[in-house]
Amino acid sequence: MDGQKRTSASNCHGAAHDTILQLSDAGYVEFKNLSYEIAGGAHISGLHITGRGLQVLGEWPRFEAIVSPLTLAALLEALAEYARTCRGGT
């Protein structure tokens, strides 16, 4: 059973490694350094989610939505209204 646990844990780490590399290839995460250990492990440092990754997670604005004519018009109207009220105009 101990051997099964080790194999299972090893497969888990391999899957995590492969997933991080796939997410990096897709542009969803970045890392500063990837080094491999003699024992078969890997060390990834500086791992972080990119803006594109945050967009996929719904945590970052989708800029292509902002540049649609209707959205851009609504944004400009809201900014104009804000500027008028800040300056005390009508």
PDB file of N, CA and C in Angstrom:
ATOM      1  N   MET A   1       0.825  -1.193   0.000  1.00  0.00           N
ATOM      2  CA  MET A   1       0.000   0.000   0.000  1.00  0.00           C
ATOM      3  C   MET A   1       0.870   1.257   0.000  1.00  0.00           C
ATOM      4  N   ASP A   2       1.997   1.219   0.706  1.00  0.00           N
ATOM      5  CA  ASP A   2       2.887   2.374   0.756  1.00  0.00           C
ATOM      6  C   ASP A   2       3.397   2.717  -0.649  1.00  0.00           C
ATOM      7  N   GLY A   3       3.688   1.689  -1.442  1.00  0.00           N
ATOM      8  CA  GLY A   3       4.127   1.904  -2.818  1.00  0.00           C
ATOM      9  C   GLY A   3       3.046   2.547  -3.660  1.00  0.00           C
ATOM     10  N   GLN A   4       1.780   2.188  -3.395  1.00  0.00           N
ATOM     11  CA  GLN A   4       0.672   2.782  -4.133  1.00  0.00           C
ATOM     12  C   GLN A   4       0.538   4.257  -3.789  1.00  0.00           C
ATOM     13  N   LYS A   5       0.738   4.592  -2.512  1.00  0.00           N
ATOM     14  CA  LYS A   5       0.658   5.991  -2.108  1.00  0.00           C
ATOM     15  C   LYS A   5       1.741   6.802  -2.801  1.00  0.00           C
ATOM     16  N   ARG A   6       2.947   6.263  -2.850  1.00  0.00           N
ATOM     17  CA  ARG A   6       4.050   6.978  -3.500  1.00  0.00           C
ATOM     18  C   ARG A   6       3.760   7.163  -4.982  1.00  0.00           C
ATOM     19  N   THR A   7       3.272   6.122  -5.639  1.00  0.00           N
ATOM     20  CA  THR A   7       2.958   6.225  -7.070  1.00  0.00           C
ATOM     21  C   THR A   7       1.855   7.239  -7.287  1.00  0.00           C
ATOM     22  N   SER A   8       0.843   7.202  -6.447  1.00  0.00           N
ATOM     23  CA  SER A   8      -0.264   8.127  -6.560  1.00  0.00           C
ATOM     24  C   SER A   8       0.215   9.564  -6.356  1.00  0.00           C
ATOM     25  N   ALA A   9       1.045   9.779  -5.339  1.00  0.00           N
ATOM     26  CA  ALA A   9       1.574  11.126  -5.082  1.00  0.00           C
ATOM     27  C   ALA A   9       2.455  11.575  -6.235  1.00  0.00           C
ATOM     28  N   SER A  10       3.260  10.682  -6.770  1.00  0.00           N
ATOM     29  CA  SER A  10       4.126  11.012  -7.889  1.00  0.00           C
ATOM     30  C   SER A  10       3.307  11.406  -9.115  1.00  0.00           C
ATOM     31  N   ASN A  11       2.251  10.657  -9.378  1.00  0.00           N
ATOM     32  CA  ASN A  11       1.383  10.980 -10.510  1.00  0.00           C
ATOM     33  C   ASN A  11       0.697  12.321 -10.308  1.00  0.00           C
ATOM     34  N   CYS A  12       0.321  12.594  -9.061  1.00  0.00           N
ATOM     35  CA  CYS A  12      -0.322  13.864  -8.733  1.00  0.00           C
ATOM     36  C   CYS A  12       0.624  15.027  -9.025  1.00  0.00           C
ATOM     37  N   HIS A  13       1.883  14.902  -8.592  1.00  0.00           N
ATOM     38  CA  HIS A  13       2.855  15.965  -8.836  1.00  0.00           C
ATOM     39  C   HIS A  13       3.137  16.110 -10.327  1.00  0.00           C
ATOM     40  N   GLY A  14       3.198  14.988 -11.037  1.00  0.00           N
ATOM     41  CA  GLY A  14       3.407  15.041 -12.477  1.00  0.00           C
ATOM     42  C   GLY A  14       2.257  15.734 -13.182  1.00  0.00           C
ATOM     43  N   ALA A  15       1.038  15.471 -12.727  1.00  0.00           N
ATOM     44  CA  ALA A  15      -0.138  16.122 -13.315  1.00  0.00           C
ATOM     45  C   ALA A  15      -0.122  17.619 -13.031  1.00  0.00           C
ATOM     46  N   ALA A  16       0.284  17.995 -11.814  1.00  0.00           N
ATOM     47  CA  ALA A  16       0.370  19.418 -11.468  1.00  0.00           C
ATOM     48  C   ALA A  16       1.422  20.103 -12.344  1.00  0.00           C
ATOM     49  N   HIS A  17       2.561  19.461 -12.509  1.00  0.00           N
ATOM     50  CA  HIS A  17       3.637  19.988 -13.348  1.00  0.00           C
ATOM     51  C   HIS A  17       3.146  20.181 -14.781  1.00  0.00           C
ATOM     52  N   ASP A  18       2.513  19.143 -15.334  1.00  0.00           N
ATOM     53  CA  ASP A  18       2.017  19.221 -16.711  1.00  0.00           C
ATOM     54  C   ASP A  18       0.958  20.307 -16.865  1.00  0.00           C
ATOM     55  N   THR A  19       0.088  20.425 -15.868  1.00  0.00           N
ATOM     56  CA  THR A  19      -0.966  21.436 -15.916  1.00  0.00           C
ATOM     57  C   THR A  19      -0.383  22.839 -15.891  1.00  0.00           C
ATOM     58  N   ILE A  20       0.615  23.064 -15.041  1.00  0.00           N
ATOM     59  CA  ILE A  20       1.247  24.387 -14.976  1.00  0.00           C
ATOM     60  C   ILE A  20       1.901  24.724 -16.316  1.00  0.00           C
ATOM     61  N   LEU A  21       2.558  23.767 -16.924  1.00  0.00           N
ATOM     62  CA  LEU A  21       3.175  24.023 -18.232  1.00  0.00           C
ATOM     63  C   LEU A  21       2.126  24.304 -19.299  1.00  0.00           C
ATOM     64  N   GLN A  22       1.008  23.586 -19.270  1.00  0.00           N
ATOM     65  CA  GLN A  22      -0.064  23.829 -20.236  1.00  0.00           C
ATOM     66  C   GLN A  22      -0.685  25.207 -20.024  1.00  0.00           C
ATOM     67  N   LEU A  23      -0.908  25.586 -18.769  1.00  0.00           N
ATOM     68  CA  LEU A  23      -1.449  26.915 -18.481  1.00  0.00           C
ATOM     69  C   LEU A  23      -0.477  28.008 -18.913  1.00  0.00           C
ATOM     70  N   SER A  24       0.804  27.746 -18.773  1.00  0.00           N
ATOM     71  CA  SER A  24       1.820  28.695 -19.220  1.00  0.00           C
ATOM     72  C   SER A  24       1.809  28.822 -20.745  1.00  0.00           C
ATOM     73  N   ASP A  25       1.720  27.689 -21.433  1.00  0.00           N
ATOM     74  CA  ASP A  25       1.658  27.712 -22.902  1.00  0.00           C
ATOM     75  C   ASP A  25       0.440  28.496 -23.394  1.00  0.00           C
ATOM     76  N   ALA A  26      -0.663  28.412 -22.658  1.00  0.00           N
ATOM     77  CA  ALA A  26      -1.887  29.120 -23.032  1.00  0.00           C
ATOM     78  C   ALA A  26      -1.858  30.591 -22.635  1.00  0.00           C
ATOM     79  N   GLY A  27      -0.843  30.984 -21.834  1.00  0.00           N
ATOM     80  CA  GLY A  27      -0.727  32.379 -21.420  1.00  0.00           C
ATOM     81  C   GLY A  27      -1.514  32.722 -20.169  1.00  0.00           C
ATOM     82  N   TYR A  28      -1.976  31.714 -19.421  1.00  0.00           N
ATOM     83  CA  TYR A  28      -2.772  31.967 -18.227  1.00  0.00           C
ATOM     84  C   TYR A  28      -1.927  32.134 -16.965  1.00  0.00           C
ATOM     85  N   VAL A  29      -0.736  31.561 -16.942  1.00  0.00           N
ATOM     86  CA  VAL A  29       0.187  31.717 -15.815  1.00  0.00           C
ATOM     87  C   VAL A  29       1.586  31.980 -16.362  1.00  0.00           C
ATOM     88  N   GLU A  30       2.414  32.561 -15.531  1.00  0.00           N
ATOM     89  CA  GLU A  30       3.827  32.762 -15.852  1.00  0.00           C
ATOM     90  C   GLU A  30       4.647  32.359 -14.637  1.00  0.00           C
ATOM     91  N   PHE A  31       5.883  32.004 -14.874  1.00  0.00           N
ATOM     92  CA  PHE A  31       6.802  31.719 -13.777  1.00  0.00           C
ATOM     93  C   PHE A  31       8.176  32.205 -14.168  1.00  0.00           C
ATOM     94  N   LYS A  32       9.008  32.463 -13.147  1.00  0.00           N
ATOM     95  CA  LYS A  32      10.350  32.985 -13.401  1.00  0.00           C
ATOM     96  C   LYS A  32      11.353  31.889 -13.689  1.00  0.00           C
ATOM     97  N   ASN A  33      11.240  30.773 -12.974  1.00  0.00           N
ATOM     98  CA  ASN A  33      12.252  29.741 -13.116  1.00  0.00           C
ATOM     99  C   ASN A  33      11.635  28.365 -12.942  1.00  0.00           C
ATOM    100  N   LEU A  34      12.093  27.435 -13.755  1.00  0.00           N
ATOM    101  CA  LEU A  34      11.703  26.031 -13.649  1.00  0.00           C
ATOM    102  C   LEU A  34      12.983  25.221 -13.621  1.00  0.00           C
ATOM    103  N   SER A  35      13.173  24.500 -12.522  1.00  0.00           N
ATOM    104  CA  SER A  35      14.367  23.662 -12.424  1.00  0.00           C
ATOM    105  C   SER A  35      13.941  22.254 -12.016  1.00  0.00           C
ATOM    106  N   TYR A  36      14.683  21.283 -12.538  1.00  0.00           N
ATOM    107  CA  TYR A  36      14.369  19.882 -12.270  1.00  0.00           C
ATOM    108  C   TYR A  36      15.373  19.319 -11.282  1.00  0.00           C
ATOM    109  N   GLU A  37      14.881  18.478 -10.383  1.00  0.00           N
ATOM    110  CA  GLU A  37      15.723  17.847  -9.376  1.00  0.00           C
ATOM    111  C   GLU A  37      16.165  16.474  -9.864  1.00  0.00           C
ATOM    112  N   ILE A  38      17.277  16.008  -9.355  1.00  0.00           N
ATOM    113  CA  ILE A  38      17.813  14.705  -9.735  1.00  0.00           C
ATOM    114  C   ILE A  38      16.843  13.586  -9.353  1.00  0.00           C
ATOM    115  N   ALA A  39      16.153  13.745  -8.243  1.00  0.00           N
ATOM    116  CA  ALA A  39      15.228  12.717  -7.763  1.00  0.00           C
ATOM    117  C   ALA A  39      13.950  12.639  -8.592  1.00  0.00           C
ATOM    118  N   GLY A  40      13.800  13.529  -9.567  1.00  0.00           N
ATOM    119  CA  GLY A  40      12.624  13.479 -10.435  1.00  0.00           C
ATOM    120  C   GLY A  40      11.597  14.558 -10.183  1.00  0.00           C
ATOM    121  N   GLY A  41      11.822  15.411  -9.214  1.00  0.00           N
ATOM    122  CA  GLY A  41      10.883  16.487  -8.933  1.00  0.00           C
ATOM    123  C   GLY A  41      11.222  17.735  -9.730  1.00  0.00           C
ATOM    124  N   ALA A  42      10.392  18.715  -9.587  1.00  0.00           N
ATOM    125  CA  ALA A  42      10.615  19.997 -10.250  1.00  0.00           C
ATOM    126  C   ALA A  42      10.319  21.115  -9.269  1.00  0.00           C
ATOM    127  N   HIS A  43      10.982  22.240  -9.451  1.00  0.00           N
ATOM    128  CA  HIS A  43      10.776  23.415  -8.615  1.00  0.00           C
ATOM    129  C   HIS A  43      10.431  24.581  -9.538  1.00  0.00           C
ATOM    130  N   ILE A  44       9.266  25.178  -9.307  1.00  0.00           N
ATOM    131  CA  ILE A  44       8.817  26.327 -10.093  1.00  0.00           C
ATOM    132  C   ILE A  44       8.752  27.514  -9.150  1.00  0.00           C
ATOM    133  N   SER A  45       9.459  28.583  -9.496  1.00  0.00           N
ATOM    134  CA  SER A  45       9.436  29.781  -8.657  1.00  0.00           C
ATOM    135  C   SER A  45       8.855  30.953  -9.430  1.00  0.00           C
ATOM    136  N   GLY A  46       8.299  31.884  -8.683  1.00  0.00           N
ATOM    137  CA  GLY A  46       7.727  33.081  -9.287  1.00  0.00           C
ATOM    138  C   GLY A  46       6.448  32.819 -10.051  1.00  0.00           C
ATOM    139  N   LEU A  47       5.694  31.812  -9.670  1.00  0.00           N
ATOM    140  CA  LEU A  47       4.464  31.452 -10.364  1.00  0.00           C
ATOM    141  C   LEU A  47       3.366  32.462 -10.049  1.00  0.00           C
ATOM    142  N   HIS A  48       2.727  32.994 -11.088  1.00  0.00           N
ATOM    143  CA  HIS A  48       1.615  33.915 -10.885  1.00  0.00           C
ATOM    144  C   HIS A  48       0.640  33.839 -12.050  1.00  0.00           C
ATOM    145  N   ILE A  49      -0.589  34.246 -11.805  1.00  0.00           N
ATOM    146  CA  ILE A  49      -1.633  34.265 -12.825  1.00  0.00           C
ATOM    147  C   ILE A  49      -1.490  35.536 -13.637  1.00  0.00           C
ATOM    148  N   THR A  50      -1.588  35.431 -14.955  1.00  0.00           N
ATOM    149  CA  THR A  50      -1.486  36.589 -15.836  1.00  0.00           C
ATOM    150  C   THR A  50      -2.842  37.298 -15.940  1.00  0.00           C
ATOM    151  N   GLY A  51      -2.839  38.445 -16.586  1.00  0.00           N
ATOM    152  CA  GLY A  51      -4.098  39.150 -16.849  1.00  0.00           C
ATOM    153  C   GLY A  51      -5.056  38.292 -17.651  1.00  0.00           C
ATOM    154  N   ARG A  52      -4.535  37.565 -18.627  1.00  0.00           N
ATOM    155  CA  ARG A  52      -5.377  36.678 -19.426  1.00  0.00           C
ATOM    156  C   ARG A  52      -5.989  35.575 -18.559  1.00  0.00           C
ATOM    157  N   GLY A  53      -5.202  35.040 -17.632  1.00  0.00           N
ATOM    158  CA  GLY A  53      -5.715  34.033 -16.708  1.00  0.00           C
ATOM    159  C   GLY A  53      -6.802  34.600 -15.812  1.00  0.00           C
ATOM    160  N   LEU A  54      -6.612  35.828 -15.348  1.00  0.00           N
ATOM    161  CA  LEU A  54      -7.625  36.478 -14.519  1.00  0.00           C
ATOM    162  C   LEU A  54      -8.897  36.733 -15.304  1.00  0.00           C
ATOM    163  N   GLN A  55      -8.778  37.041 -16.598  1.00  0.00           N
ATOM    164  CA  GLN A  55      -9.967  37.219 -17.430  1.00  0.00           C
ATOM    165  C   GLN A  55     -10.770  35.933 -17.501  1.00  0.00           C
ATOM    166  N   VAL A  56     -10.080  34.824 -17.680  1.00  0.00           N
ATOM    167  CA  VAL A  56     -10.755  33.533 -17.754  1.00  0.00           C
ATOM    168  C   VAL A  56     -11.470  33.233 -16.436  1.00  0.00           C
ATOM    169  N   LEU A  57     -10.872  33.634 -15.332  1.00  0.00           N
ATOM    170  CA  LEU A  57     -11.474  33.412 -14.022  1.00  0.00           C
ATOM    171  C   LEU A  57     -12.559  34.438 -13.690  1.00  0.00           C
ATOM    172  N   GLY A  58     -12.727  35.436 -14.555  1.00  0.00           N
ATOM    173  CA  GLY A  58     -13.725  36.466 -14.310  1.00  0.00           C
ATOM    174  C   GLY A  58     -13.272  37.527 -13.325  1.00  0.00           C
ATOM    175  N   GLU A  59     -11.963  37.620 -13.088  1.00  0.00           N
ATOM    176  CA  GLU A  59     -11.420  38.559 -12.114  1.00  0.00           C
ATOM    177  C   GLU A  59     -10.752  39.779 -12.749  1.00  0.00           C
ATOM    178  N   TRP A  60     -10.827  39.910 -14.050  1.00  0.00           N
ATOM    179  CA  TRP A  60     -10.135  40.989 -14.749  1.00  0.00           C
ATOM    180  C   TRP A  60     -11.039  41.446 -15.875  1.00  0.00           C
ATOM    181  N   PRO A  61     -11.085  42.738 -16.158  1.00  0.00           N
ATOM    182  CA  PRO A  61     -11.999  43.190 -17.215  1.00  0.00           C
ATOM    183  C   PRO A  61     -11.615  42.653 -18.588  1.00  0.00           C
ATOM    184  N   ARG A  62     -12.605  42.375 -19.365  1.00  0.00           N
ATOM    185  CA  ARG A  62     -12.381  41.932 -20.744  1.00  0.00           C
ATOM    186  C   ARG A  62     -12.384  43.183 -21.611  1.00  0.00           C
ATOM    187  N   PHE A  63     -11.219  43.564 -22.064  1.00  0.00           N
ATOM    188  CA  PHE A  63     -11.084  44.828 -22.775  1.00  0.00           C
ATOM    189  C   PHE A  63     -11.790  44.842 -24.124  1.00  0.00           C
ATOM    190  N   GLU A  64     -11.945  43.667 -24.744  1.00  0.00           N
ATOM    191  CA  GLU A  64     -12.655  43.666 -26.020  1.00  0.00           C
ATOM    192  C   GLU A  64     -14.117  44.054 -25.833  1.00  0.00           C
ATOM    193  N   ALA A  65     -14.683  43.818 -24.640  1.00  0.00           N
ATOM    194  CA  ALA A  65     -16.058  44.229 -24.368  1.00  0.00           C
ATOM    195  C   ALA A  65     -16.147  45.740 -24.221  1.00  0.00           C
ATOM    196  N   ILE A  66     -15.101  46.354 -23.715  1.00  0.00           N
ATOM    197  CA  ILE A  66     -15.102  47.802 -23.508  1.00  0.00           C
ATOM    198  C   ILE A  66     -15.055  48.551 -24.840  1.00  0.00           C
ATOM    199  N   VAL A  67     -14.436  47.980 -25.843  1.00  0.00           N
ATOM    200  CA  VAL A  67     -14.248  48.715 -27.086  1.00  0.00           C
ATOM    201  C   VAL A  67     -15.395  48.544 -28.072  1.00  0.00           C
ATOM    202  N   SER A  68     -16.459  47.850 -27.685  1.00  0.00           N
ATOM    203  CA  SER A  68     -17.613  47.804 -28.585  1.00  0.00           C
ATOM    204  C   SER A  68     -18.210  49.207 -28.623  1.00  0.00           C
ATOM    205  N   PRO A  69     -18.790  49.618 -29.738  1.00  0.00           N
ATOM    206  CA  PRO A  69     -19.321  50.978 -29.848  1.00  0.00           C
ATOM    207  C   PRO A  69     -20.338  51.333 -28.758  1.00  0.00           C
ATOM    208  N   LEU A  70     -21.240  50.413 -28.440  1.00  0.00           N
ATOM    209  CA  LEU A  70     -22.250  50.716 -27.421  1.00  0.00           C
ATOM    210  C   LEU A  70     -21.625  50.867 -26.038  1.00  0.00           C
ATOM    211  N   THR A  71     -20.712  49.990 -25.700  1.00  0.00           N
ATOM    212  CA  THR A  71     -20.068  50.061 -24.389  1.00  0.00           C
ATOM    213  C   THR A  71     -19.199  51.301 -24.280  1.00  0.00           C
ATOM    214  N   LEU A  72     -18.475  51.597 -25.340  1.00  0.00           N
ATOM    215  CA  LEU A  72     -17.624  52.788 -25.338  1.00  0.00           C
ATOM    216  C   LEU A  72     -18.466  54.047 -25.203  1.00  0.00           C
ATOM    217  N   ALA A  73     -19.591  54.115 -25.913  1.00  0.00           N
ATOM    218  CA  ALA A  73     -20.483  55.272 -25.816  1.00  0.00           C
ATOM    219  C   ALA A  73     -21.026  55.420 -24.400  1.00  0.00           C
ATOM    220  N   ALA A  74     -21.436  54.316 -23.794  1.00  0.00           N
ATOM    221  CA  ALA A  74     -21.957  54.369 -22.426  1.00  0.00           C
ATOM    222  C   ALA A  74     -20.875  54.825 -21.450  1.00  0.00           C
ATOM    223  N   LEU A  75     -19.655  54.333 -21.641  1.00  0.00           N
ATOM    224  CA  LEU A  75     -18.545  54.741 -20.783  1.00  0.00           C
ATOM    225  C   LEU A  75     -18.273  56.232 -20.916  1.00  0.00           C
ATOM    226  N   LEU A  76     -18.238  56.737 -22.142  1.00  0.00           N
ATOM    227  CA  LEU A  76     -17.973  58.160 -22.357  1.00  0.00           C
ATOM    228  C   LEU A  76     -19.087  59.034 -21.797  1.00  0.00           C
ATOM    229  N   GLU A  77     -20.324  58.594 -21.942  1.00  0.00           N
ATOM    230  CA  GLU A  77     -21.448  59.349 -21.371  1.00  0.00           C
ATOM    231  C   GLU A  77     -21.345  59.391 -19.846  1.00  0.00           C
ATOM    232  N   ALA A  78     -20.998  58.275 -19.230  1.00  0.00           N
ATOM    233  CA  ALA A  78     -20.859  58.228 -17.778  1.00  0.00           C
ATOM    234  C   ALA A  78     -19.714  59.123 -17.318  1.00  0.00           C
ATOM    235  N   LEU A  79     -18.617  59.120 -18.062  1.00  0.00           N
ATOM    236  CA  LEU A  79     -17.492  59.988 -17.709  1.00  0.00           C
ATOM    237  C   LEU A  79     -17.855  61.454 -17.863  1.00  0.00           C
ATOM    238  N   ALA A  80     -18.600  61.789 -18.914  1.00  0.00           N
ATOM    239  CA  ALA A  80     -19.022  63.172 -19.124  1.00  0.00           C
ATOM    240  C   ALA A  80     -19.928  63.627 -17.991  1.00  0.00           C
ATOM    241  N   GLU A  81     -20.857  62.776 -17.591  1.00  0.00           N
ATOM    242  CA  GLU A  81     -21.754  63.108 -16.482  1.00  0.00           C
ATOM    243  C   GLU A  81     -20.965  63.291 -15.187  1.00  0.00           C
ATOM    244  N   TYR A  82     -20.017  62.410 -14.955  1.00  0.00           N
ATOM    245  CA  TYR A  82     -19.162  62.498 -13.766  1.00  0.00           C
ATOM    246  C   TYR A  82     -18.376  63.808 -13.771  1.00  0.00           C
ATOM    247  N   ALA A  83     -17.810  64.154 -14.924  1.00  0.00           N
ATOM    248  CA  ALA A  83     -17.028  65.390 -15.033  1.00  0.00           C
ATOM    249  C   ALA A  83     -17.919  66.608 -14.773  1.00  0.00           C
ATOM    250  N   ARG A  84     -19.146  66.598 -15.296  1.00  0.00           N
ATOM    251  CA  ARG A  84     -20.066  67.717 -15.077  1.00  0.00           C
ATOM    252  C   ARG A  84     -20.382  67.876 -13.601  1.00  0.00           C
ATOM    253  N   THR A  85     -20.674  66.788 -12.909  1.00  0.00           N
ATOM    254  CA  THR A  85     -21.039  66.896 -11.495  1.00  0.00           C
ATOM    255  C   THR A  85     -19.836  67.255 -10.630  1.00  0.00           C
ATOM    256  N   CYS A  86     -18.668  66.826 -11.015  1.00  0.00           N
ATOM    257  CA  CYS A  86     -17.457  67.164 -10.243  1.00  0.00           C
ATOM    258  C   CYS A  86     -17.114  68.634 -10.351  1.00  0.00           C
ATOM    259  N   ARG A  87     -17.382  69.225 -11.530  1.00  0.00           N
ATOM    260  CA  ARG A  87     -17.082  70.633 -11.732  1.00  0.00           C
ATOM    261  C   ARG A  87     -18.217  71.523 -11.276  1.00  0.00           C
ATOM    262  N   GLY A  88     -19.340  70.910 -10.894  1.00  0.00           N
ATOM    263  CA  GLY A  88     -20.478  71.697 -10.436  1.00  0.00           C
ATOM    264  C   GLY A  88     -21.324  72.204 -11.580  1.00  0.00           C
ATOM    265  N   GLY A  89     -21.097  71.693 -12.789  1.00  0.00           N
ATOM    266  CA  GLY A  89     -21.878  72.106 -13.943  1.00  0.00           C
ATOM    267  C   GLY A  89     -23.169  71.332 -14.057  1.00  0.00           C
ATOM    268  N   THR A  90     -23.911  71.655 -15.083  1.00  0.00           N
ATOM    269  CA  THR A  90     -25.191  70.959 -15.299  1.00  0.00           C
ATOM    270  C   THR A  90     -25.184  70.158 -16.567  1.00  0.00           C
TER     271      THR A  90
END
